[in-house]
mmCIF file of all heavy atoms, coordinates in Angstrom:
data_MODEL
# 
_entry.id   MODEL 
# 
loop_
_atom_site.group_PDB 
_atom_site.id 
_atom_site.type_symbol 
_atom_site.label_atom_id 
_atom_site.label_alt_id 
_atom_site.label_comp_id 
_atom_site.label_asym_id 
_atom_site.label_entity_id 
_atom_site.label_seq_id 
_atom_site.pdbx_PDB_ins_code 
_atom_site.Cartn_x 
_atom_site.Cartn_y 
_atom_site.Cartn_z 
_atom_site.occupancy 
_atom_site.B_iso_or_equiv 
_atom_site.pdbx_formal_charge 
_atom_site.auth_seq_id 
_atom_site.auth_comp_id 
_atom_site.auth_asym_id 
_atom_site.auth_atom_id 
_atom_site.pdbx_PDB_model_num 
ATOM 1   N N   . PRO A 1 1  ? 103.556 -37.942 -68.340 1.00 0.00 ? 1  PRO A N   1 
ATOM 2   C CA  . PRO A 1 1  ? 103.539 -37.269 -67.025 1.00 0.00 ? 1  PRO A CA  1 
ATOM 3   C C   . PRO A 1 1  ? 104.090 -35.844 -67.035 1.00 0.00 ? 1  PRO A C   1 
ATOM 4   O O   . PRO A 1 1  ? 103.416 -34.924 -66.531 1.00 0.00 ? 1  PRO A O   1 
ATOM 5   C CB  . PRO A 1 1  ? 104.373 -38.203 -66.138 1.00 0.00 ? 1  PRO A CB  1 
ATOM 6   C CG  . PRO A 1 1  ? 104.204 -39.552 -66.770 1.00 0.00 ? 1  PRO A CG  1 
ATOM 7   C CD  . PRO A 1 1  ? 104.180 -39.281 -68.241 1.00 0.00 ? 1  PRO A CD  1 
ATOM 8   N N   . PRO A 1 2  ? 105.282 -35.575 -67.600 1.00 0.00 ? 2  PRO A N   1 
ATOM 9   C CA  . PRO A 1 2  ? 105.765 -34.185 -67.575 1.00 0.00 ? 2  PRO A CA  1 
ATOM 10  C C   . PRO A 1 2  ? 104.943 -33.243 -68.445 1.00 0.00 ? 2  PRO A C   1 
ATOM 11  O O   . PRO A 1 2  ? 104.820 -32.055 -68.130 1.00 0.00 ? 2  PRO A O   1 
ATOM 12  C CB  . PRO A 1 2  ? 107.208 -34.300 -68.086 1.00 0.00 ? 2  PRO A CB  1 
ATOM 13  C CG  . PRO A 1 2  ? 107.282 -35.586 -68.799 1.00 0.00 ? 2  PRO A CG  1 
ATOM 14  C CD  . PRO A 1 2  ? 106.316 -36.491 -68.132 1.00 0.00 ? 2  PRO A CD  1 
ATOM 15  N N   . LEU A 1 3  ? 104.349 -33.743 -69.522 1.00 0.00 ? 3  LEU A N   1 
ATOM 16  C CA  . LEU A 1 3  ? 103.520 -32.886 -70.373 1.00 0.00 ? 3  LEU A CA  1 
ATOM 17  C C   . LEU A 1 3  ? 102.226 -32.495 -69.677 1.00 0.00 ? 3  LEU A C   1 
ATOM 18  O O   . LEU A 1 3  ? 101.756 -31.359 -69.807 1.00 0.00 ? 3  LEU A O   1 
ATOM 19  C CB  . LEU A 1 3  ? 103.218 -33.587 -71.693 1.00 0.00 ? 3  LEU A CB  1 
ATOM 20  C CG  . LEU A 1 3  ? 104.121 -33.220 -72.875 1.00 0.00 ? 3  LEU A CG  1 
ATOM 21  C CD1 . LEU A 1 3  ? 103.811 -34.093 -74.062 1.00 0.00 ? 3  LEU A CD1 1 
ATOM 22  C CD2 . LEU A 1 3  ? 103.973 -31.759 -73.237 1.00 0.00 ? 3  LEU A CD2 1 
ATOM 23  N N   . LEU A 1 4  ? 101.643 -33.412 -68.938 1.00 0.00 ? 4  LEU A N   1 
ATOM 24  C CA  . LEU A 1 4  ? 100.388 -33.109 -68.250 1.00 0.00 ? 4  LEU A CA  1 
ATOM 25  C C   . LEU A 1 4  ? 100.574 -32.031 -67.186 1.00 0.00 ? 4  LEU A C   1 
ATOM 26  O O   . LEU A 1 4  ? 99.612  -31.338 -66.821 1.00 0.00 ? 4  LEU A O   1 
ATOM 27  C CB  . LEU A 1 4  ? 99.807  -34.372 -67.615 1.00 0.00 ? 4  LEU A CB  1 
ATOM 28  C CG  . LEU A 1 4  ? 99.277  -35.432 -68.591 1.00 0.00 ? 4  LEU A CG  1 
ATOM 29  C CD1 . LEU A 1 4  ? 98.700  -36.608 -67.831 1.00 0.00 ? 4  LEU A CD1 1 
ATOM 30  C CD2 . LEU A 1 4  ? 98.245  -34.840 -69.539 1.00 0.00 ? 4  LEU A CD2 1 
ATOM 31  N N   . LYS A 1 5  ? 101.793 -31.865 -66.700 1.00 0.00 ? 5  LYS A N   1 
ATOM 32  C CA  . LYS A 1 5  ? 102.061 -30.817 -65.716 1.00 0.00 ? 5  LYS A CA  1 
ATOM 33  C C   . LYS A 1 5  ? 101.944 -29.423 -66.334 1.00 0.00 ? 5  LYS A C   1 
ATOM 34  O O   . LYS A 1 5  ? 101.797 -28.431 -65.630 1.00 0.00 ? 5  LYS A O   1 
ATOM 35  C CB  . LYS A 1 5  ? 103.454 -31.003 -65.117 1.00 0.00 ? 5  LYS A CB  1 
ATOM 36  C CG  . LYS A 1 5  ? 103.592 -32.258 -64.262 1.00 0.00 ? 5  LYS A CG  1 
ATOM 37  C CD  . LYS A 1 5  ? 105.003 -32.413 -63.722 1.00 0.00 ? 5  LYS A CD  1 
ATOM 38  C CE  . LYS A 1 5  ? 105.126 -33.685 -62.889 1.00 0.00 ? 5  LYS A CE  1 
ATOM 39  N NZ  . LYS A 1 5  ? 106.511 -33.886 -62.379 1.00 0.00 ? 5  LYS A NZ  1 
ATOM 40  N N   . LEU A 1 6  ? 102.023 -29.341 -67.672 1.00 0.00 ? 6  LEU A N   1 
ATOM 41  C CA  . LEU A 1 6  ? 101.921 -28.053 -68.361 1.00 0.00 ? 6  LEU A CA  1 
ATOM 42  C C   . LEU A 1 6  ? 100.485 -27.748 -68.801 1.00 0.00 ? 6  LEU A C   1 
ATOM 43  O O   . LEU A 1 6  ? 100.214 -26.641 -69.276 1.00 0.00 ? 6  LEU A O   1 
ATOM 44  C CB  . LEU A 1 6  ? 102.828 -28.038 -69.592 1.00 0.00 ? 6  LEU A CB  1 
ATOM 45  C CG  . LEU A 1 6  ? 104.316 -28.320 -69.378 1.00 0.00 ? 6  LEU A CG  1 
ATOM 46  C CD1 . LEU A 1 6  ? 105.067 -28.196 -70.701 1.00 0.00 ? 6  LEU A CD1 1 
ATOM 47  C CD2 . LEU A 1 6  ? 104.903 -27.380 -68.347 1.00 0.00 ? 6  LEU A CD2 1 
ATOM 48  N N   . ALA A 1 7  ? 99.601  -28.716 -68.671 1.00 0.00 ? 7  ALA A N   1 
ATOM 49  C CA  . ALA A 1 7  ? 98.229  -28.528 -69.153 1.00 0.00 ? 7  ALA A CA  1 
ATOM 50  C C   . ALA A 1 7  ? 97.468  -27.540 -68.275 1.00 0.00 ? 7  ALA A C   1 
ATOM 51  O O   . ALA A 1 7  ? 97.640  -27.489 -67.064 1.00 0.00 ? 7  ALA A O   1 
ATOM 52  C CB  . ALA A 1 7  ? 97.501  -29.868 -69.192 1.00 0.00 ? 7  ALA A CB  1 
ATOM 53  N N   . CYS A 1 8  ? 96.632  -26.739 -68.916 1.00 0.00 ? 8  CYS A N   1 
ATOM 54  C CA  . CYS A 1 8  ? 95.829  -25.743 -68.200 1.00 0.00 ? 8  CYS A CA  1 
ATOM 55  C C   . CYS A 1 8  ? 94.416  -26.246 -67.911 1.00 0.00 ? 8  CYS A C   1 
ATOM 56  O O   . CYS A 1 8  ? 93.541  -25.464 -67.560 1.00 0.00 ? 8  CYS A O   1 
ATOM 57  C CB  . CYS A 1 8  ? 95.741  -24.463 -69.023 1.00 0.00 ? 8  CYS A CB  1 
ATOM 58  S SG  . CYS A 1 8  ? 97.307  -23.632 -69.208 1.00 0.00 ? 8  CYS A SG  1 
ATOM 59  N N   . ALA A 1 9  ? 94.187  -27.532 -68.091 1.00 0.00 ? 9  ALA A N   1 
ATOM 60  C CA  . ALA A 1 9  ? 92.875  -28.121 -67.820 1.00 0.00 ? 9  ALA A CA  1 
ATOM 61  C C   . ALA A 1 9  ? 93.016  -29.174 -66.726 1.00 0.00 ? 9  ALA A C   1 
ATOM 62  O O   . ALA A 1 9  ? 94.126  -29.548 -66.350 1.00 0.00 ? 9  ALA A O   1 
ATOM 63  C CB  . ALA A 1 9  ? 92.323  -28.752 -69.098 1.00 0.00 ? 9  ALA A CB  1 
ATOM 64  N N   . ASP A 1 10 ? 91.900  -29.630 -66.231 1.00 0.00 ? 10 ASP A N   1 
ATOM 65  C CA  . ASP A 1 10 ? 91.898  -30.668 -65.208 1.00 0.00 ? 10 ASP A CA  1 
ATOM 66  C C   . ASP A 1 10 ? 92.243  -32.008 -65.856 1.00 0.00 ? 10 ASP A C   1 
ATOM 67  O O   . ASP A 1 10 ? 91.498  -32.511 -66.696 1.00 0.00 ? 10 ASP A O   1 
ATOM 68  C CB  . ASP A 1 10 ? 90.525  -30.741 -64.541 1.00 0.00 ? 10 ASP A CB  1 
ATOM 69  C CG  . ASP A 1 10 ? 90.462  -31.808 -63.459 1.00 0.00 ? 10 ASP A CG  1 
ATOM 70  O OD1 . ASP A 1 10 ? 91.546  -32.262 -63.009 1.00 0.00 ? 10 ASP A OD1 1 
ATOM 71  O OD2 . ASP A 1 10 ? 89.352  -32.190 -63.060 1.00 0.00 ? 10 ASP A OD2 1 
ATOM 72  N N   . THR A 1 11 ? 93.384  -32.559 -65.476 1.00 0.00 ? 11 THR A N   1 
ATOM 73  C CA  . THR A 1 11 ? 93.838  -33.821 -66.078 1.00 0.00 ? 11 THR A CA  1 
ATOM 74  C C   . THR A 1 11 ? 93.764  -34.983 -65.089 1.00 0.00 ? 11 THR A C   1 
ATOM 75  O O   . THR A 1 11 ? 94.328  -36.042 -65.370 1.00 0.00 ? 11 THR A O   1 
ATOM 76  C CB  . THR A 1 11 ? 95.289  -33.670 -66.581 1.00 0.00 ? 11 THR A CB  1 
ATOM 77  O OG1 . THR A 1 11 ? 96.150  -33.400 -65.450 1.00 0.00 ? 11 THR A OG1 1 
ATOM 78  C CG2 . THR A 1 11 ? 95.413  -32.551 -67.595 1.00 0.00 ? 11 THR A CG2 1 
ATOM 79  N N   . SER A 1 12 ? 93.121  -34.800 -63.957 1.00 0.00 ? 12 SER A N   1 
ATOM 80  C CA  . SER A 1 12 ? 93.137  -35.818 -62.902 1.00 0.00 ? 12 SER A CA  1 
ATOM 81  C C   . SER A 1 12 ? 92.544  -37.148 -63.376 1.00 0.00 ? 12 SER A C   1 
ATOM 82  O O   . SER A 1 12 ? 93.099  -38.214 -63.092 1.00 0.00 ? 12 SER A O   1 
ATOM 83  C CB  . SER A 1 12 ? 92.387  -35.318 -61.663 1.00 0.00 ? 12 SER A CB  1 
ATOM 84  O OG  . SER A 1 12 ? 91.065  -34.942 -62.001 1.00 0.00 ? 12 SER A OG  1 
ATOM 85  N N   . ARG A 1 13 ? 91.425  -37.097 -64.100 1.00 0.00 ? 13 ARG A N   1 
ATOM 86  C CA  . ARG A 1 13 ? 90.820  -38.334 -64.571 1.00 0.00 ? 13 ARG A CA  1 
ATOM 87  C C   . ARG A 1 13 ? 91.710  -39.038 -65.586 1.00 0.00 ? 13 ARG A C   1 
ATOM 88  O O   . ARG A 1 13 ? 91.849  -40.266 -65.571 1.00 0.00 ? 13 ARG A O   1 
ATOM 89  C CB  . ARG A 1 13 ? 89.447  -38.037 -65.196 1.00 0.00 ? 13 ARG A CB  1 
ATOM 90  C CG  . ARG A 1 13 ? 88.382  -37.627 -64.180 1.00 0.00 ? 13 ARG A CG  1 
ATOM 91  C CD  . ARG A 1 13 ? 87.032  -37.489 -64.853 1.00 0.00 ? 13 ARG A CD  1 
ATOM 92  N NE  . ARG A 1 13 ? 85.991  -37.135 -63.881 1.00 0.00 ? 13 ARG A NE  1 
ATOM 93  C CZ  . ARG A 1 13 ? 84.725  -36.939 -64.196 1.00 0.00 ? 13 ARG A CZ  1 
ATOM 94  N NH1 . ARG A 1 13 ? 84.335  -37.061 -65.473 1.00 0.00 ? 13 ARG A NH1 1 
ATOM 95  N NH2 . ARG A 1 13 ? 83.846  -36.627 -63.251 1.00 0.00 ? 13 ARG A NH2 1 
ATOM 96  N N   . TYR A 1 14 ? 92.291  -38.228 -66.460 1.00 0.00 ? 14 TYR A N   1 
ATOM 97  C CA  . TYR A 1 14 ? 93.174  -38.830 -67.469 1.00 0.00 ? 14 TYR A CA  1 
ATOM 98  C C   . TYR A 1 14 ? 94.430  -39.396 -66.821 1.00 0.00 ? 14 TYR A C   1 
ATOM 99  O O   . TYR A 1 14 ? 94.914  -40.458 -67.221 1.00 0.00 ? 14 TYR A O   1 
ATOM 100 C CB  . TYR A 1 14 ? 93.537  -37.795 -68.540 1.00 0.00 ? 14 TYR A CB  1 
ATOM 101 C CG  . TYR A 1 14 ? 94.447  -38.347 -69.612 1.00 0.00 ? 14 TYR A CG  1 
ATOM 102 C CD1 . TYR A 1 14 ? 94.099  -39.497 -70.322 1.00 0.00 ? 14 TYR A CD1 1 
ATOM 103 C CD2 . TYR A 1 14 ? 95.654  -37.729 -69.912 1.00 0.00 ? 14 TYR A CD2 1 
ATOM 104 C CE1 . TYR A 1 14 ? 94.932  -40.004 -71.303 1.00 0.00 ? 14 TYR A CE1 1 
ATOM 105 C CE2 . TYR A 1 14 ? 96.488  -38.228 -70.885 1.00 0.00 ? 14 TYR A CE2 1 
ATOM 106 C CZ  . TYR A 1 14 ? 96.126  -39.378 -71.582 1.00 0.00 ? 14 TYR A CZ  1 
ATOM 107 O OH  . TYR A 1 14 ? 96.953  -39.890 -72.544 1.00 0.00 ? 14 TYR A OH  1 
ATOM 108 N N   . GLN A 1 15 ? 94.973  -38.708 -65.831 1.00 0.00 ? 15 GLN A N   1 
ATOM 109 C CA  . GLN A 1 15 ? 96.135  -39.231 -65.120 1.00 0.00 ? 15 GLN A CA  1 
ATOM 110 C C   . GLN A 1 15 ? 95.820  -40.565 -64.459 1.00 0.00 ? 15 GLN A C   1 
ATOM 111 O O   . GLN A 1 15 ? 96.653  -41.480 -64.448 1.00 0.00 ? 15 GLN A O   1 
ATOM 112 C CB  . GLN A 1 15 ? 96.607  -38.224 -64.070 1.00 0.00 ? 15 GLN A CB  1 
ATOM 113 C CG  . GLN A 1 15 ? 97.282  -36.995 -64.654 1.00 0.00 ? 15 GLN A CG  1 
ATOM 114 C CD  . GLN A 1 15 ? 97.814  -36.071 -63.580 1.00 0.00 ? 15 GLN A CD  1 
ATOM 115 O OE1 . GLN A 1 15 ? 98.408  -36.513 -62.605 1.00 0.00 ? 15 GLN A OE1 1 
ATOM 116 N NE2 . GLN A 1 15 ? 97.610  -34.778 -63.754 1.00 0.00 ? 15 GLN A NE2 1 
ATOM 117 N N   . LEU A 1 16 ? 94.602  -40.692 -63.927 1.00 0.00 ? 16 LEU A N   1 
ATOM 118 C CA  . LEU A 1 16 ? 94.180  -41.959 -63.334 1.00 0.00 ? 16 LEU A CA  1 
ATOM 119 C C   . LEU A 1 16 ? 94.109  -43.050 -64.398 1.00 0.00 ? 16 LEU A C   1 
ATOM 120 O O   . LEU A 1 16 ? 94.539  -44.193 -64.172 1.00 0.00 ? 16 LEU A O   1 
ATOM 121 C CB  . LEU A 1 16 ? 92.827  -41.801 -62.651 1.00 0.00 ? 16 LEU A CB  1 
ATOM 122 C CG  . LEU A 1 16 ? 92.233  -43.071 -62.013 1.00 0.00 ? 16 LEU A CG  1 
ATOM 123 C CD1 . LEU A 1 16 ? 93.161  -43.614 -60.933 1.00 0.00 ? 16 LEU A CD1 1 
ATOM 124 C CD2 . LEU A 1 16 ? 90.837  -42.786 -61.454 1.00 0.00 ? 16 LEU A CD2 1 
ATOM 125 N N   . MET A 1 17 ? 93.596  -42.688 -65.581 1.00 0.00 ? 17 MET A N   1 
ATOM 126 C CA  . MET A 1 17 ? 93.513  -43.663 -66.664 1.00 0.00 ? 17 MET A CA  1 
ATOM 127 C C   . MET A 1 17 ? 94.904  -44.084 -67.124 1.00 0.00 ? 17 MET A C   1 
ATOM 128 O O   . MET A 1 17 ? 95.158  -45.267 -67.384 1.00 0.00 ? 17 MET A O   1 
ATOM 129 C CB  . MET A 1 17 ? 92.727  -43.082 -67.846 1.00 0.00 ? 17 MET A CB  1 
ATOM 130 C CG  . MET A 1 17 ? 92.462  -44.101 -68.938 1.00 0.00 ? 17 MET A CG  1 
ATOM 131 S SD  . MET A 1 17 ? 91.546  -43.436 -70.341 1.00 0.00 ? 17 MET A SD  1 
ATOM 132 C CE  . MET A 1 17 ? 92.832  -42.511 -71.171 1.00 0.00 ? 17 MET A CE  1 
ATOM 133 N N   . VAL A 1 18 ? 95.822  -43.111 -67.226 1.00 0.00 ? 18 VAL A N   1 
ATOM 134 C CA  . VAL A 1 18 ? 97.200  -43.426 -67.608 1.00 0.00 ? 18 VAL A CA  1 
ATOM 135 C C   . VAL A 1 18 ? 97.831  -44.372 -66.588 1.00 0.00 ? 18 VAL A C   1 
ATOM 136 O O   . VAL A 1 18 ? 98.530  -45.331 -66.946 1.00 0.00 ? 18 VAL A O   1 
ATOM 137 C CB  . VAL A 1 18 ? 98.034  -42.131 -67.726 1.00 0.00 ? 18 VAL A CB  1 
ATOM 138 C CG1 . VAL A 1 18 ? 99.522  -42.451 -67.871 1.00 0.00 ? 18 VAL A CG1 1 
ATOM 139 C CG2 . VAL A 1 18 ? 97.559  -41.302 -68.915 1.00 0.00 ? 18 VAL A CG2 1 
ATOM 140 N N   . TYR A 1 19 ? 97.550  -44.106 -65.311 1.00 0.00 ? 19 TYR A N   1 
ATOM 141 C CA  . TYR A 1 19 ? 98.095  -44.957 -64.246 1.00 0.00 ? 19 TYR A CA  1 
ATOM 142 C C   . TYR A 1 19 ? 97.551  -46.382 -64.361 1.00 0.00 ? 19 TYR A C   1 
ATOM 143 O O   . TYR A 1 19 ? 98.316  -47.356 -64.302 1.00 0.00 ? 19 TYR A O   1 
ATOM 144 C CB  . TYR A 1 19 ? 97.734  -44.360 -62.885 1.00 0.00 ? 19 TYR A CB  1 
ATOM 145 C CG  . TYR A 1 19 ? 98.224  -45.182 -61.712 1.00 0.00 ? 19 TYR A CG  1 
ATOM 146 C CD1 . TYR A 1 19 ? 99.548  -45.105 -61.288 1.00 0.00 ? 19 TYR A CD1 1 
ATOM 147 C CD2 . TYR A 1 19 ? 97.355  -46.041 -61.039 1.00 0.00 ? 19 TYR A CD2 1 
ATOM 148 C CE1 . TYR A 1 19 ? 99.989  -45.867 -60.222 1.00 0.00 ? 19 TYR A CE1 1 
ATOM 149 C CE2 . TYR A 1 19 ? 97.798  -46.803 -59.977 1.00 0.00 ? 19 TYR A CE2 1 
ATOM 150 C CZ  . TYR A 1 19 ? 99.124  -46.714 -59.568 1.00 0.00 ? 19 TYR A CZ  1 
ATOM 151 O OH  . TYR A 1 19 ? 99.557  -47.477 -58.514 1.00 0.00 ? 19 TYR A OH  1 
ATOM 152 N N   . VAL A 1 20 ? 96.240  -46.509 -64.569 1.00 0.00 ? 20 VAL A N   1 
ATOM 153 C CA  . VAL A 1 20 ? 95.622  -47.833 -64.666 1.00 0.00 ? 20 VAL A CA  1 
ATOM 154 C C   . VAL A 1 20 ? 96.146  -48.574 -65.891 1.00 0.00 ? 20 VAL A C   1 
ATOM 155 O O   . VAL A 1 20 ? 96.494  -49.773 -65.827 1.00 0.00 ? 20 VAL A O   1 
ATOM 156 C CB  . VAL A 1 20 ? 94.088  -47.708 -64.718 1.00 0.00 ? 20 VAL A CB  1 
ATOM 157 C CG1 . VAL A 1 20 ? 93.443  -49.063 -65.037 1.00 0.00 ? 20 VAL A CG1 1 
ATOM 158 C CG2 . VAL A 1 20 ? 93.558  -47.174 -63.401 1.00 0.00 ? 20 VAL A CG2 1 
ATOM 159 N N   . MET A 1 21 ? 96.230  -47.869 -67.031 1.00 0.00 ? 21 MET A N   1 
ATOM 160 C CA  . MET A 1 21 ? 96.743  -48.500 -68.246 1.00 0.00 ? 21 MET A CA  1 
ATOM 161 C C   . MET A 1 21 ? 98.205  -48.890 -68.082 1.00 0.00 ? 21 MET A C   1 
ATOM 162 O O   . MET A 1 21 ? 98.637  -49.970 -68.531 1.00 0.00 ? 21 MET A O   1 
ATOM 163 C CB  . MET A 1 21 ? 96.580  -47.541 -69.428 1.00 0.00 ? 21 MET A CB  1 
ATOM 164 C CG  . MET A 1 21 ? 95.147  -47.315 -69.846 1.00 0.00 ? 21 MET A CG  1 
ATOM 165 S SD  . MET A 1 21 ? 94.368  -48.804 -70.530 1.00 0.00 ? 21 MET A SD  1 
ATOM 166 C CE  . MET A 1 21 ? 95.297  -49.004 -72.043 1.00 0.00 ? 21 MET A CE  1 
ATOM 167 N N   . GLY A 1 22 ? 98.990  -48.015 -67.445 1.00 0.00 ? 22 GLY A N   1 
ATOM 168 C CA  . GLY A 1 22 ? 100.397 -48.316 -67.230 1.00 0.00 ? 22 GLY A CA  1 
ATOM 169 C C   . GLY A 1 22 ? 100.590 -49.535 -66.354 1.00 0.00 ? 22 GLY A C   1 
ATOM 170 O O   . GLY A 1 22 ? 101.406 -50.420 -66.670 1.00 0.00 ? 22 GLY A O   1 
ATOM 171 N N   . VAL A 1 23 ? 99.827  -49.600 -65.258 1.00 0.00 ? 23 VAL A N   1 
ATOM 172 C CA  . VAL A 1 23 ? 99.913  -50.757 -64.361 1.00 0.00 ? 23 VAL A CA  1 
ATOM 173 C C   . VAL A 1 23 ? 99.483  -52.026 -65.084 1.00 0.00 ? 23 VAL A C   1 
ATOM 174 O O   . VAL A 1 23 ? 100.124 -53.082 -64.962 1.00 0.00 ? 23 VAL A O   1 
ATOM 175 C CB  . VAL A 1 23 ? 99.052  -50.522 -63.101 1.00 0.00 ? 23 VAL A CB  1 
ATOM 176 C CG1 . VAL A 1 23 ? 98.940  -51.809 -62.282 1.00 0.00 ? 23 VAL A CG1 1 
ATOM 177 C CG2 . VAL A 1 23 ? 99.655  -49.412 -62.247 1.00 0.00 ? 23 VAL A CG2 1 
ATOM 178 N N   . SER A 1 24 ? 98.408  -51.940 -65.879 1.00 0.00 ? 24 SER A N   1 
ATOM 179 C CA  . SER A 1 24 ? 97.915  -53.114 -66.604 1.00 0.00 ? 24 SER A CA  1 
ATOM 180 C C   . SER A 1 24 ? 98.933  -53.595 -67.621 1.00 0.00 ? 24 SER A C   1 
ATOM 181 O O   . SER A 1 24 ? 99.218  -54.799 -67.727 1.00 0.00 ? 24 SER A O   1 
ATOM 182 C CB  . SER A 1 24 ? 96.593  -52.783 -67.309 1.00 0.00 ? 24 SER A CB  1 
ATOM 183 O OG  . SER A 1 24 ? 95.614  -52.379 -66.376 1.00 0.00 ? 24 SER A OG  1 
# 
């Protein structure tokens, strides 16, 4: 999560995947 805040690209889809994987 804190690293994705530094990314200069659109990470919204990946953040959603991280959330789904984390919840699972």
